[in-house]
């Protein structure tokens, strides 16, 4: 919902929405009428002719979103794909406002397993990654350079790593090596709820009937040679 509480009811902002098709993945939009949202990528939605406190209104996306939005309150932005935001009941020039983004063909989703890769030696060229790290591990076990990656020509899957329990609001898979004493019981790899990925983990073998990728750390002596992430 796109709403500015300071607007008079006669301007009918109570029924205004910015939408996406329900057969597509949720882009993760959030609306704020009180400044940008910490930790998100926000675009200021400003109509200078409107006196009802639009100076602090923002449309926000997750930091890893492929969408880079721009706003113009006086016409389309040349060279970009734009959608008009219009409220006929508001007299303060809400007839020429446009939300725009780069006009390019979206990246396709990352396909399992061919678009994914484990690395225990830093971020590989041509990939984007999430760092996999357990702070309780001794430095000699070299977990500081371990990453789970996907091809950078693909959409970002939205992975988040947690070494302190599952992430609220996400679909999480416990990454557990029972032979490792360094607090692996609360480590999780998470994806957005809407993700097409349904991960499963096994610390001793591949899971029959699934496509699996080995996670290995040669410097860690606690059996990090037979661990598999599967989908």
C-alpha atoms as a PDB file:
ATOM      1  CA  UNK A   1       0.000   0.000   0.000  1.00  0.00           C
ATOM      2  CA  UNK A   2       1.166   3.515  -0.889  1.00  0.00           C
ATOM      3  CA  UNK A   3      -0.169   5.895   1.717  1.00  0.00           C
ATOM      4  CA  UNK A   4       0.671   9.271   3.228  1.00  0.00           C
ATOM      5  CA  UNK A   5      -1.299   9.621   6.498  1.00  0.00           C
ATOM      6  CA  UNK A   6      -1.119  13.428   6.335  1.00  0.00           C
ATOM      7  CA  UNK A   7      -3.172  13.505   3.124  1.00  0.00           C
ATOM      8  CA  UNK A   8      -6.832  14.608   3.552  1.00  0.00           C
ATOM      9  CA  UNK A   9      -9.312  11.754   3.135  1.00  0.00           C
ATOM     10  CA  UNK A  10     -10.759  13.530   0.118  1.00  0.00           C
ATOM     11  CA  UNK A  11      -7.501  12.862  -1.775  1.00  0.00           C
ATOM     12  CA  UNK A  12      -8.247   9.079  -1.510  1.00  0.00           C
ATOM     13  CA  UNK A  13      -4.713   7.780  -0.842  1.00  0.00           C
ATOM     14  CA  UNK A  14      -6.210   5.027   1.334  1.00  0.00           C
ATOM     15  CA  UNK A  15      -6.848   2.791  -1.713  1.00  0.00           C
ATOM     16  CA  UNK A  16      -3.584   3.279  -3.626  1.00  0.00           C
ATOM     17  CA  UNK A  17      -1.329   0.279  -4.213  1.00  0.00           C
ATOM     18  CA  UNK A  18       1.842  -0.576  -6.170  1.00  0.00           C
ATOM     19  CA  UNK A  19       1.526  -4.147  -7.419  1.00  0.00           C
ATOM     20  CA  UNK A  20       3.217  -7.081  -9.181  1.00  0.00           C
ATOM     21  CA  UNK A  21       1.731 -10.183 -10.782  1.00  0.00           C
ATOM     22  CA  UNK A  22       1.090 -12.947  -8.244  1.00  0.00           C
ATOM     23  CA  UNK A  23       2.615 -15.555 -10.574  1.00  0.00           C
ATOM     24  CA  UNK A  24       5.996 -13.825 -10.120  1.00  0.00           C
ATOM     25  CA  UNK A  25       8.385 -13.850  -7.172  1.00  0.00           C
ATOM     26  CA  UNK A  26       7.712 -11.262  -4.480  1.00  0.00           C
ATOM     27  CA  UNK A  27      10.209  -8.396  -5.085  1.00  0.00           C
ATOM     28  CA  UNK A  28      10.301  -7.561  -1.373  1.00  0.00           C
ATOM     29  CA  UNK A  29       8.958  -3.994  -1.585  1.00  0.00           C
ATOM     30  CA  UNK A  30       8.340  -2.009   1.592  1.00  0.00           C
ATOM     31  CA  UNK A  31       6.782   1.442   1.856  1.00  0.00           C
ATOM     32  CA  UNK A  32       7.821   4.050   4.411  1.00  0.00           C
ATOM     33  CA  UNK A  33       6.307   7.480   5.096  1.00  0.00           C
ATOM     34  CA  UNK A  34       8.925   8.185   7.774  1.00  0.00           C
ATOM     35  CA  UNK A  35      12.283   8.086   5.983  1.00  0.00           C
ATOM     36  CA  UNK A  36      14.342   5.338   4.332  1.00  0.00           C
ATOM     37  CA  UNK A  37      14.334   1.870   5.905  1.00  0.00           C
ATOM     38  CA  UNK A  38      17.682   0.825   7.385  1.00  0.00           C
ATOM     39  CA  UNK A  39      19.353  -2.023   5.505  1.00  0.00           C
ATOM     40  CA  UNK A  40      17.263  -1.581   2.348  1.00  0.00           C
ATOM     41  CA  UNK A  41      17.747   0.124  -1.030  1.00  0.00           C
ATOM     42  CA  UNK A  42      15.300   3.041  -1.011  1.00  0.00           C
ATOM     43  CA  UNK A  43      13.976   5.490  -3.593  1.00  0.00           C
ATOM     44  CA  UNK A  44      12.519   8.810  -2.453  1.00  0.00           C
ATOM     45  CA  UNK A  45       8.950   9.369  -3.680  1.00  0.00           C
ATOM     46  CA  UNK A  46       8.567  13.139  -3.687  1.00  0.00           C
ATOM     47  CA  UNK A  47       5.989  15.500  -5.135  1.00  0.00           C
ATOM     48  CA  UNK A  48       7.294  18.987  -4.354  1.00  0.00           C
ATOM     49  CA  UNK A  49       3.943  20.584  -5.175  1.00  0.00           C
ATOM     50  CA  UNK A  50       2.191  18.517  -2.488  1.00  0.00           C
ATOM     51  CA  UNK A  51       2.289  20.122   0.999  1.00  0.00           C
ATOM     52  CA  UNK A  52       1.332  16.939   2.865  1.00  0.00           C
ATOM     53  CA  UNK A  53       4.773  15.761   4.103  1.00  0.00           C
ATOM     54  CA  UNK A  54       5.897  13.789   1.039  1.00  0.00           C
ATOM     55  CA  UNK A  55       9.537  14.748   1.694  1.00  0.00           C
ATOM     56  CA  UNK A  56      10.133  11.636   3.839  1.00  0.00           C
ATOM     57  CA  UNK A  57       8.334   9.005   1.750  1.00  0.00           C
ATOM     58  CA  UNK A  58      10.343   6.097   0.317  1.00  0.00           C
ATOM     59  CA  UNK A  59       9.801   2.905  -1.672  1.00  0.00           C
ATOM     60  CA  UNK A  60      12.366   0.315  -0.586  1.00  0.00           C
ATOM     61  CA  UNK A  61      13.749  -2.980  -1.863  1.00  0.00           C
ATOM     62  CA  UNK A  62      16.168  -5.540  -0.425  1.00  0.00           C
ATOM     63  CA  UNK A  63      19.826  -4.585  -0.934  1.00  0.00           C
ATOM     64  CA  UNK A  64      20.344  -7.570  -3.249  1.00  0.00           C
ATOM     65  CA  UNK A  65      17.396  -6.700  -5.510  1.00  0.00           C
ATOM     66  CA  UNK A  66      18.261  -6.488  -9.226  1.00  0.00           C
ATOM     67  CA  UNK A  67      15.927  -3.488  -9.562  1.00  0.00           C
ATOM     68  CA  UNK A  68      17.413   0.009  -9.444  1.00  0.00           C
ATOM     69  CA  UNK A  69      14.553   2.488  -9.270  1.00  0.00           C
ATOM     70  CA  UNK A  70      14.421   6.209  -9.969  1.00  0.00           C
ATOM     71  CA  UNK A  71      11.594   8.689  -9.443  1.00  0.00           C
ATOM     72  CA  UNK A  72      10.572  11.777 -11.366  1.00  0.00           C
ATOM     73  CA  UNK A  73       7.664  14.017 -10.396  1.00  0.00           C
ATOM     74  CA  UNK A  74       7.498  15.762 -13.778  1.00  0.00           C
ATOM     75  CA  UNK A  75       7.549  13.202 -16.581  1.00  0.00           C
ATOM     76  CA  UNK A  76       9.240   9.991 -17.706  1.00  0.00           C
ATOM     77  CA  UNK A  77      13.027   9.627 -17.497  1.00  0.00           C
ATOM     78  CA  UNK A  78      14.552   9.234 -20.952  1.00  0.00           C
ATOM     79  CA  UNK A  79      16.049   5.823 -21.682  1.00  0.00           C
ATOM     80  CA  UNK A  80      14.282   4.072 -18.820  1.00  0.00           C
ATOM     81  CA  UNK A  81      11.144   1.955 -18.485  1.00  0.00           C
ATOM     82  CA  UNK A  82       8.583   3.916 -16.462  1.00  0.00           C
ATOM     83  CA  UNK A  83       5.209   3.409 -14.745  1.00  0.00           C
ATOM     84  CA  UNK A  84       2.937   6.344 -14.024  1.00  0.00           C
ATOM     85  CA  UNK A  85       1.755   6.911 -10.451  1.00  0.00           C
ATOM     86  CA  UNK A  86      -1.481   8.872 -10.588  1.00  0.00           C
ATOM     87  CA  UNK A  87      -4.074   9.980  -8.067  1.00  0.00           C
ATOM     88  CA  UNK A  88      -6.847  11.976  -9.826  1.00  0.00           C
ATOM     89  CA  UNK A  89      -8.443  13.024  -6.518  1.00  0.00           C
ATOM     90  CA  UNK A  90      -5.269  14.782  -5.331  1.00  0.00           C
ATOM     91  CA  UNK A  91      -5.035  18.307  -6.801  1.00  0.00           C
ATOM     92  CA  UNK A  92      -1.288  18.638  -6.194  1.00  0.00           C
ATOM     93  CA  UNK A  93      -0.063  17.583  -9.670  1.00  0.00           C
ATOM     94  CA  UNK A  94      -0.328  13.817  -9.168  1.00  0.00           C
ATOM     95  CA  UNK A  95      -0.790  13.376 -12.926  1.00  0.00           C
ATOM     96  CA  UNK A  96       2.837  13.504 -14.116  1.00  0.00           C
ATOM     97  CA  UNK A  97       4.725  11.318 -11.617  1.00  0.00           C
ATOM     98  CA  UNK A  98       6.712   8.314 -12.838  1.00  0.00           C
ATOM     99  CA  UNK A  99       8.619   5.443 -11.235  1.00  0.00           C
ATOM    100  CA  UNK A 100      11.366   4.233 -13.566  1.00  0.00           C
ATOM    101  CA  UNK A 101      14.081   1.588 -13.842  1.00  0.00           C
ATOM    102  CA  UNK A 102      16.763   0.515 -16.291  1.00  0.00           C
ATOM    103  CA  UNK A 103      15.164  -0.954 -19.390  1.00  0.00           C
ATOM    104  CA  UNK A 104      16.924  -4.306 -19.638  1.00  0.00           C
ATOM    105  CA  UNK A 105      15.939  -7.942 -19.923  1.00  0.00           C
ATOM    106  CA  UNK A 106      15.837  -9.464 -16.421  1.00  0.00           C
ATOM    107  CA  UNK A 107      18.362 -12.133 -15.519  1.00  0.00           C
ATOM    108  CA  UNK A 108      16.962 -15.650 -15.360  1.00  0.00           C
ATOM    109  CA  UNK A 109      16.793 -17.534 -12.060  1.00  0.00           C
ATOM    110  CA  UNK A 110      19.844 -19.498 -10.943  1.00  0.00           C
ATOM    111  CA  UNK A 111      19.320 -23.190 -11.701  1.00  0.00           C
ATOM    112  CA  UNK A 112      20.444 -25.938  -9.349  1.00  0.00           C
ATOM    113  CA  UNK A 113      23.119 -27.266  -9.414  1.00  0.00           C
ATOM    114  CA  UNK A 114      24.761 -25.914 -12.572  1.00  0.00           C
ATOM    115  CA  UNK A 115      24.656 -22.225 -11.576  1.00  0.00           C
ATOM    116  CA  UNK A 116      25.987 -22.770  -8.041  1.00  0.00           C
ATOM    117  CA  UNK A 117      29.439 -23.376  -6.613  1.00  0.00           C
ATOM    118  CA  UNK A 118      31.163 -23.912  -3.264  1.00  0.00           C
ATOM    119  CA  UNK A 119      34.481 -22.122  -2.700  1.00  0.00           C
ATOM    120  CA  UNK A 120      36.898 -22.515   0.217  1.00  0.00           C
ATOM    121  CA  UNK A 121      39.336 -20.016  -1.306  1.00  0.00           C
ATOM    122  CA  UNK A 122      37.493 -16.715  -1.706  1.00  0.00           C
ATOM    123  CA  UNK A 123      34.955 -15.430  -4.233  1.00  0.00           C
ATOM    124  CA  UNK A 124      35.500 -16.980  -7.684  1.00  0.00           C
ATOM    125  CA  UNK A 125      35.468 -14.803 -10.808  1.00  0.00           C
ATOM    126  CA  UNK A 126      32.047 -14.565 -12.421  1.00  0.00           C
ATOM    127  CA  UNK A 127      30.121 -15.355  -9.256  1.00  0.00           C
ATOM    128  CA  UNK A 128      28.240 -13.553  -6.497  1.00  0.00           C
ATOM    129  CA  UNK A 129      28.378 -15.179  -3.084  1.00  0.00           C
ATOM    130  CA  UNK A 130      27.227 -15.347   0.516  1.00  0.00           C
ATOM    131  CA  UNK A 131      29.981 -15.840   3.083  1.00  0.00           C
ATOM    132  CA  UNK A 132      29.779 -19.033   5.152  1.00  0.00           C
ATOM    133  CA  UNK A 133      31.481 -18.446   8.470  1.00  0.00           C
ATOM    134  CA  UNK A 134      31.390 -19.729  12.031  1.00  0.00           C
ATOM    135  CA  UNK A 135      33.092 -17.144  14.299  1.00  0.00           C
ATOM    136  CA  UNK A 136      33.875 -19.788  16.918  1.00  0.00           C
ATOM    137  CA  UNK A 137      36.151 -21.691  14.518  1.00  0.00           C
ATOM    138  CA  UNK A 138      39.907 -21.266  15.131  1.00  0.00           C
ATOM    139  CA  UNK A 139      41.605 -19.113  12.490  1.00  0.00           C
ATOM    140  CA  UNK A 140      43.715 -22.086  11.427  1.00  0.00           C
ATOM    141  CA  UNK A 141      40.564 -23.781  10.121  1.00  0.00           C
ATOM    142  CA  UNK A 142      40.318 -20.957   7.521  1.00  0.00           C
ATOM    143  CA  UNK A 143      36.542 -20.435   7.471  1.00  0.00           C
ATOM    144  CA  UNK A 144      37.112 -16.728   6.776  1.00  0.00           C
ATOM    145  CA  UNK A 145      37.403 -17.342   3.006  1.00  0.00           C
ATOM    146  CA  UNK A 146      34.528 -19.805   2.504  1.00  0.00           C
ATOM    147  CA  UNK A 147      31.652 -18.836   0.225  1.00  0.00           C
ATOM    148  CA  UNK A 148      28.559 -20.357  -1.350  1.00  0.00           C
ATOM    149  CA  UNK A 149      28.136 -18.810  -4.780  1.00  0.00           C
ATOM    150  CA  UNK A 150      25.937 -18.483  -7.865  1.00  0.00           C
ATOM    151  CA  UNK A 151      26.718 -17.187 -11.362  1.00  0.00           C
ATOM    152  CA  UNK A 152      26.538 -13.392 -11.528  1.00  0.00           C
ATOM    153  CA  UNK A 153      24.631 -13.577 -14.831  1.00  0.00           C
ATOM    154  CA  UNK A 154      21.705 -15.034 -12.869  1.00  0.00           C
ATOM    155  CA  UNK A 155      19.193 -13.428 -10.523  1.00  0.00           C
ATOM    156  CA  UNK A 156      20.294 -13.182  -6.908  1.00  0.00           C
ATOM    157  CA  UNK A 157      18.652 -16.075  -5.009  1.00  0.00           C
ATOM    158  CA  UNK A 158      18.450 -13.981  -1.833  1.00  0.00           C
ATOM    159  CA  UNK A 159      20.572 -16.232   0.397  1.00  0.00           C
ATOM    160  CA  UNK A 160      21.355 -15.174   3.950  1.00  0.00           C
ATOM    161  CA  UNK A 161      23.732 -16.958   6.314  1.00  0.00           C
ATOM    162  CA  UNK A 162      23.154 -17.033  10.053  1.00  0.00           C
ATOM    163  CA  UNK A 163      25.434 -18.400  12.768  1.00  0.00           C
ATOM    164  CA  UNK A 164      22.826 -17.583  15.420  1.00  0.00           C
ATOM    165  CA  UNK A 165      19.693 -19.517  14.521  1.00  0.00           C
ATOM    166  CA  UNK A 166      17.196 -19.343  11.642  1.00  0.00           C
ATOM    167  CA  UNK A 167      16.326 -15.947  10.144  1.00  0.00           C
ATOM    168  CA  UNK A 168      12.750 -14.872  10.861  1.00  0.00           C
ATOM    169  CA  UNK A 169      10.518 -14.806   7.806  1.00  0.00           C
ATOM    170  CA  UNK A 170      12.838 -16.921   5.674  1.00  0.00           C
ATOM    171  CA  UNK A 171      13.014 -20.594   4.641  1.00  0.00           C
ATOM    172  CA  UNK A 172      16.070 -21.952   6.452  1.00  0.00           C
ATOM    173  CA  UNK A 173      18.156 -25.132   6.293  1.00  0.00           C
ATOM    174  CA  UNK A 174      20.262 -26.157   9.284  1.00  0.00           C
ATOM    175  CA  UNK A 175      23.947 -26.622   8.384  1.00  0.00           C
ATOM    176  CA  UNK A 176      25.227 -29.022  11.030  1.00  0.00           C
ATOM    177  CA  UNK A 177      28.422 -31.020  11.386  1.00  0.00           C
ATOM    178  CA  UNK A 178      27.968 -33.040  14.565  1.00  0.00           C
ATOM    179  CA  UNK A 179      31.678 -33.913  14.702  1.00  0.00           C
ATOM    180  CA  UNK A 180      32.650 -30.230  14.884  1.00  0.00           C
ATOM    181  CA  UNK A 181      32.667 -28.832  18.451  1.00  0.00           C
ATOM    182  CA  UNK A 182      32.660 -25.175  17.357  1.00  0.00           C
ATOM    183  CA  UNK A 183      28.955 -24.279  17.826  1.00  0.00           C
ATOM    184  CA  UNK A 184      27.620 -25.486  14.455  1.00  0.00           C
ATOM    185  CA  UNK A 185      24.273 -26.422  16.030  1.00  0.00           C
ATOM    186  CA  UNK A 186      22.787 -22.964  15.357  1.00  0.00           C
ATOM    187  CA  UNK A 187      24.043 -22.331  11.789  1.00  0.00           C
ATOM    188  CA  UNK A 188      21.521 -21.895   8.977  1.00  0.00           C
ATOM    189  CA  UNK A 189      21.440 -21.105   5.269  1.00  0.00           C
ATOM    190  CA  UNK A 190      18.242 -19.220   4.440  1.00  0.00           C
ATOM    191  CA  UNK A 191      16.353 -18.216   1.301  1.00  0.00           C
ATOM    192  CA  UNK A 192      13.215 -16.087   0.862  1.00  0.00           C
ATOM    193  CA  UNK A 193       9.927 -17.879   1.527  1.00  0.00           C
ATOM    194  CA  UNK A 194       9.011 -17.580  -2.168  1.00  0.00           C
ATOM    195  CA  UNK A 195      12.255 -19.208  -3.407  1.00  0.00           C
ATOM    196  CA  UNK A 196      11.979 -22.168  -5.777  1.00  0.00           C
ATOM    197  CA  UNK A 197      14.915 -23.745  -3.920  1.00  0.00           C
ATOM    198  CA  UNK A 198      14.124 -26.328  -1.221  1.00  0.00           C
ATOM    199  CA  UNK A 199      17.441 -27.154   0.370  1.00  0.00           C
ATOM    200  CA  UNK A 200      18.350 -30.210   2.423  1.00  0.00           C
ATOM    201  CA  UNK A 201      21.626 -30.938   4.246  1.00  0.00           C
ATOM    202  CA  UNK A 202      23.496 -34.104   5.070  1.00  0.00           C
ATOM    203  CA  UNK A 203      26.811 -34.187   6.936  1.00  0.00           C
ATOM    204  CA  UNK A 204      27.785 -37.723   5.902  1.00  0.00           C
ATOM    205  CA  UNK A 205      26.676 -38.403   2.333  1.00  0.00           C
ATOM    206  CA  UNK A 206      24.634 -37.301  -0.677  1.00  0.00           C
ATOM    207  CA  UNK A 207      20.859 -37.536  -0.262  1.00  0.00           C
ATOM    208  CA  UNK A 208      19.410 -40.136  -2.645  1.00  0.00           C
ATOM    209  CA  UNK A 209      17.132 -38.697  -5.311  1.00  0.00           C
ATOM    210  CA  UNK A 210      18.463 -35.160  -4.979  1.00  0.00           C
ATOM    211  CA  UNK A 211      21.127 -33.136  -6.774  1.00  0.00           C
ATOM    212  CA  UNK A 212      23.891 -32.396  -4.263  1.00  0.00           C
ATOM    213  CA  UNK A 213      26.938 -30.146  -3.929  1.00  0.00           C
ATOM    214  CA  UNK A 214      29.798 -30.896  -1.564  1.00  0.00           C
ATOM    215  CA  UNK A 215      30.921 -28.331   1.013  1.00  0.00           C
ATOM    216  CA  UNK A 216      34.529 -29.028   1.947  1.00  0.00           C
ATOM    217  CA  UNK A 217      37.070 -27.245   4.146  1.00  0.00           C
ATOM    218  CA  UNK A 218      40.403 -29.162   4.025  1.00  0.00           C
ATOM    219  CA  UNK A 219      41.914 -27.122   6.864  1.00  0.00           C
ATOM    220  CA  UNK A 220      39.186 -28.127   9.330  1.00  0.00           C
ATOM    221  CA  UNK A 221      39.920 -31.574  10.860  1.00  0.00           C
ATOM    222  CA  UNK A 222      36.333 -32.175  11.975  1.00  0.00           C
ATOM    223  CA  UNK A 223      35.155 -34.248   8.965  1.00  0.00           C
ATOM    224  CA  UNK A 224      34.457 -31.329   6.592  1.00  0.00           C
ATOM    225  CA  UNK A 225      34.997 -33.567   3.596  1.00  0.00           C
ATOM    226  CA  UNK A 226      31.705 -35.464   3.383  1.00  0.00           C
ATOM    227  CA  UNK A 227      29.108 -32.689   3.814  1.00  0.00           C
ATOM    228  CA  UNK A 228      26.487 -32.097   1.111  1.00  0.00           C
ATOM    229  CA  UNK A 229      23.919 -29.413   0.317  1.00  0.00           C
ATOM    230  CA  UNK A 230      21.125 -30.841  -1.807  1.00  0.00           C
ATOM    231  CA  UNK A 231      18.013 -29.644  -3.592  1.00  0.00           C
END
